Amino acid sequence: MTTQRNAWIHAAATVAVVALGIFAGLSRMEWCVIVLACAGVWCAEALNTAVEFLGDAVTREQHPLIGKAKDAAAGAVLVAAIAAVIAGIFVFGAHV
């Protein structure tokens, strides 16, 4: 994780969301939503990292298909992060 800048951002966001959840006194169901949202982002980030490492292991040269695979994996992280933000808005919006 030390070389993955985005993983550090996700880690900080996870810590902030957990702290906010404790402060807000979330219900069990709300915690389930938050945990699933965070897990989805972390799973997407792990798969993105795996695709990047695998692509780099195959070749260090630019290859259009490897580039597309890396872009698709990064896009999956973005979709998961956007979905997590929307879930957070629904969960925490009720406490504001």
Protein backbone atom coordinates (compact mmCIF):
# COMPACT_ATOMS: atom_id res chain seq x y z
CA MET A 1 0.00 0.00 0.00
CA THR A 2 2.95 2.31 0.45
CA THR A 3 3.32 2.79 -3.31
CA GLN A 4 -0.38 3.18 -4.02
CA ARG A 5 -1.31 6.85 -3.52
CA ASN A 6 -5.02 6.25 -4.10
CA ALA A 7 -5.06 3.51 -1.47
CA TRP A 8 -3.89 6.08 1.08
CA ILE A 9 -6.77 8.34 0.04
CA HIS A 10 -9.22 5.45 0.44
CA ALA A 11 -7.70 4.62 3.83
CA ALA A 12 -8.14 8.20 5.04
CA ALA A 13 -11.72 8.24 3.75
CA THR A 14 -12.45 4.93 5.49
CA VAL A 15 -11.10 6.21 8.80
CA ALA A 16 -13.08 9.44 8.45
CA VAL A 17 -16.31 7.59 7.62
CA VAL A 18 -15.90 5.19 10.55
CA ALA A 19 -15.21 8.08 12.93
CA LEU A 20 -18.21 9.99 11.59
CA GLY A 21 -20.35 6.87 11.91
CA ILE A 22 -19.36 6.42 15.54
CA PHE A 23 -20.06 10.10 16.21
CA ALA A 24 -23.45 9.92 14.44
CA GLY A 25 -24.48 6.74 16.25
CA LEU A 26 -25.38 4.77 13.15
CA SER A 27 -27.84 1.89 13.37
CA ARG A 28 -26.83 -1.68 12.51
CA MET A 29 -28.41 -1.42 9.07
CA GLU A 30 -26.62 1.87 8.40
CA TRP A 31 -23.32 0.27 9.42
CA CYS A 32 -24.04 -2.59 7.02
CA VAL A 33 -24.44 -0.11 4.17
CA ILE A 34 -21.24 1.72 5.14
CA VAL A 35 -19.23 -1.49 5.50
CA LEU A 36 -20.44 -2.81 2.14
CA ALA A 37 -19.70 0.51 0.43
CA CYS A 38 -16.18 0.66 1.90
CA ALA A 39 -15.54 -3.00 1.08
CA GLY A 40 -16.66 -2.43 -2.50
CA VAL A 41 -14.19 0.41 -2.93
CA TRP A 42 -11.36 -1.58 -1.33
CA CYS A 43 -12.11 -4.62 -3.50
CA ALA A 44 -12.13 -2.49 -6.65
CA GLU A 45 -8.88 -0.82 -5.59
CA ALA A 46 -7.24 -4.20 -4.95
CA LEU A 47 -8.32 -5.54 -8.33
CA ASN A 48 -7.14 -2.34 -10.01
CA THR A 49 -3.74 -2.75 -8.39
CA ALA A 50 -3.61 -6.39 -9.47
CA VAL A 51 -4.40 -5.46 -13.08
CA GLU A 52 -1.72 -2.75 -13.01
CA PHE A 53 0.91 -5.12 -11.59
CA LEU A 54 -0.02 -7.87 -14.04
CA GLY A 55 0.13 -5.49 -16.98
CA ASP A 56 3.52 -4.22 -15.86
CA ALA A 57 4.78 -7.79 -15.42
CA VAL A 58 3.81 -8.66 -18.99
CA THR A 59 5.57 -5.68 -20.57
CA ARG A 60 6.81 -2.23 -19.65
CA GLU A 61 6.14 -1.03 -23.20
CA GLN A 62 2.92 0.72 -24.11
CA HIS A 63 0.34 -1.82 -25.29
CA PRO A 64 -3.16 -0.67 -26.24
CA LEU A 65 -4.97 -3.66 -24.71
CA ILE A 66 -3.06 -3.42 -21.43
CA GLY A 67 -3.82 0.29 -21.36
CA LYS A 68 -7.53 -0.43 -21.88
CA ALA A 69 -7.48 -3.05 -19.11
CA LYS A 70 -5.84 -0.59 -16.73
CA ASP A 71 -8.35 2.12 -17.69
CA ALA A 72 -11.28 -0.26 -17.15
CA ALA A 73 -9.95 -1.30 -13.74
CA ALA A 74 -9.45 2.33 -12.73
CA GLY A 75 -12.96 3.09 -13.96
CA ALA A 76 -14.32 0.34 -11.71
CA VAL A 77 -12.67 2.03 -8.73
CA LEU A 78 -14.26 5.33 -9.73
CA VAL A 79 -17.71 3.74 -10.04
CA ALA A 80 -17.32 2.04 -6.65
CA ALA A 81 -16.16 5.29 -5.04
CA ILE A 82 -19.07 7.27 -6.51
CA ALA A 83 -21.52 4.61 -5.33
CA ALA A 84 -19.95 4.73 -1.85
CA VAL A 85 -20.33 8.51 -1.74
CA ILE A 86 -23.99 8.22 -2.74
CA ALA A 87 -24.55 5.56 -0.05
CA GLY A 88 -22.84 7.84 2.46
CA ILE A 89 -25.09 10.73 1.49
CA PHE A 90 -28.16 8.56 2.08
CA VAL A 91 -26.88 7.22 5.40
CA PHE A 92 -25.40 10.39 6.85
CA GLY A 93 -27.97 12.70 5.29
CA ALA A 94 -30.55 11.30 7.70
CA HIS A 95 -28.35 12.39 10.63
CA VAL A 96 -27.77 15.96 9.52
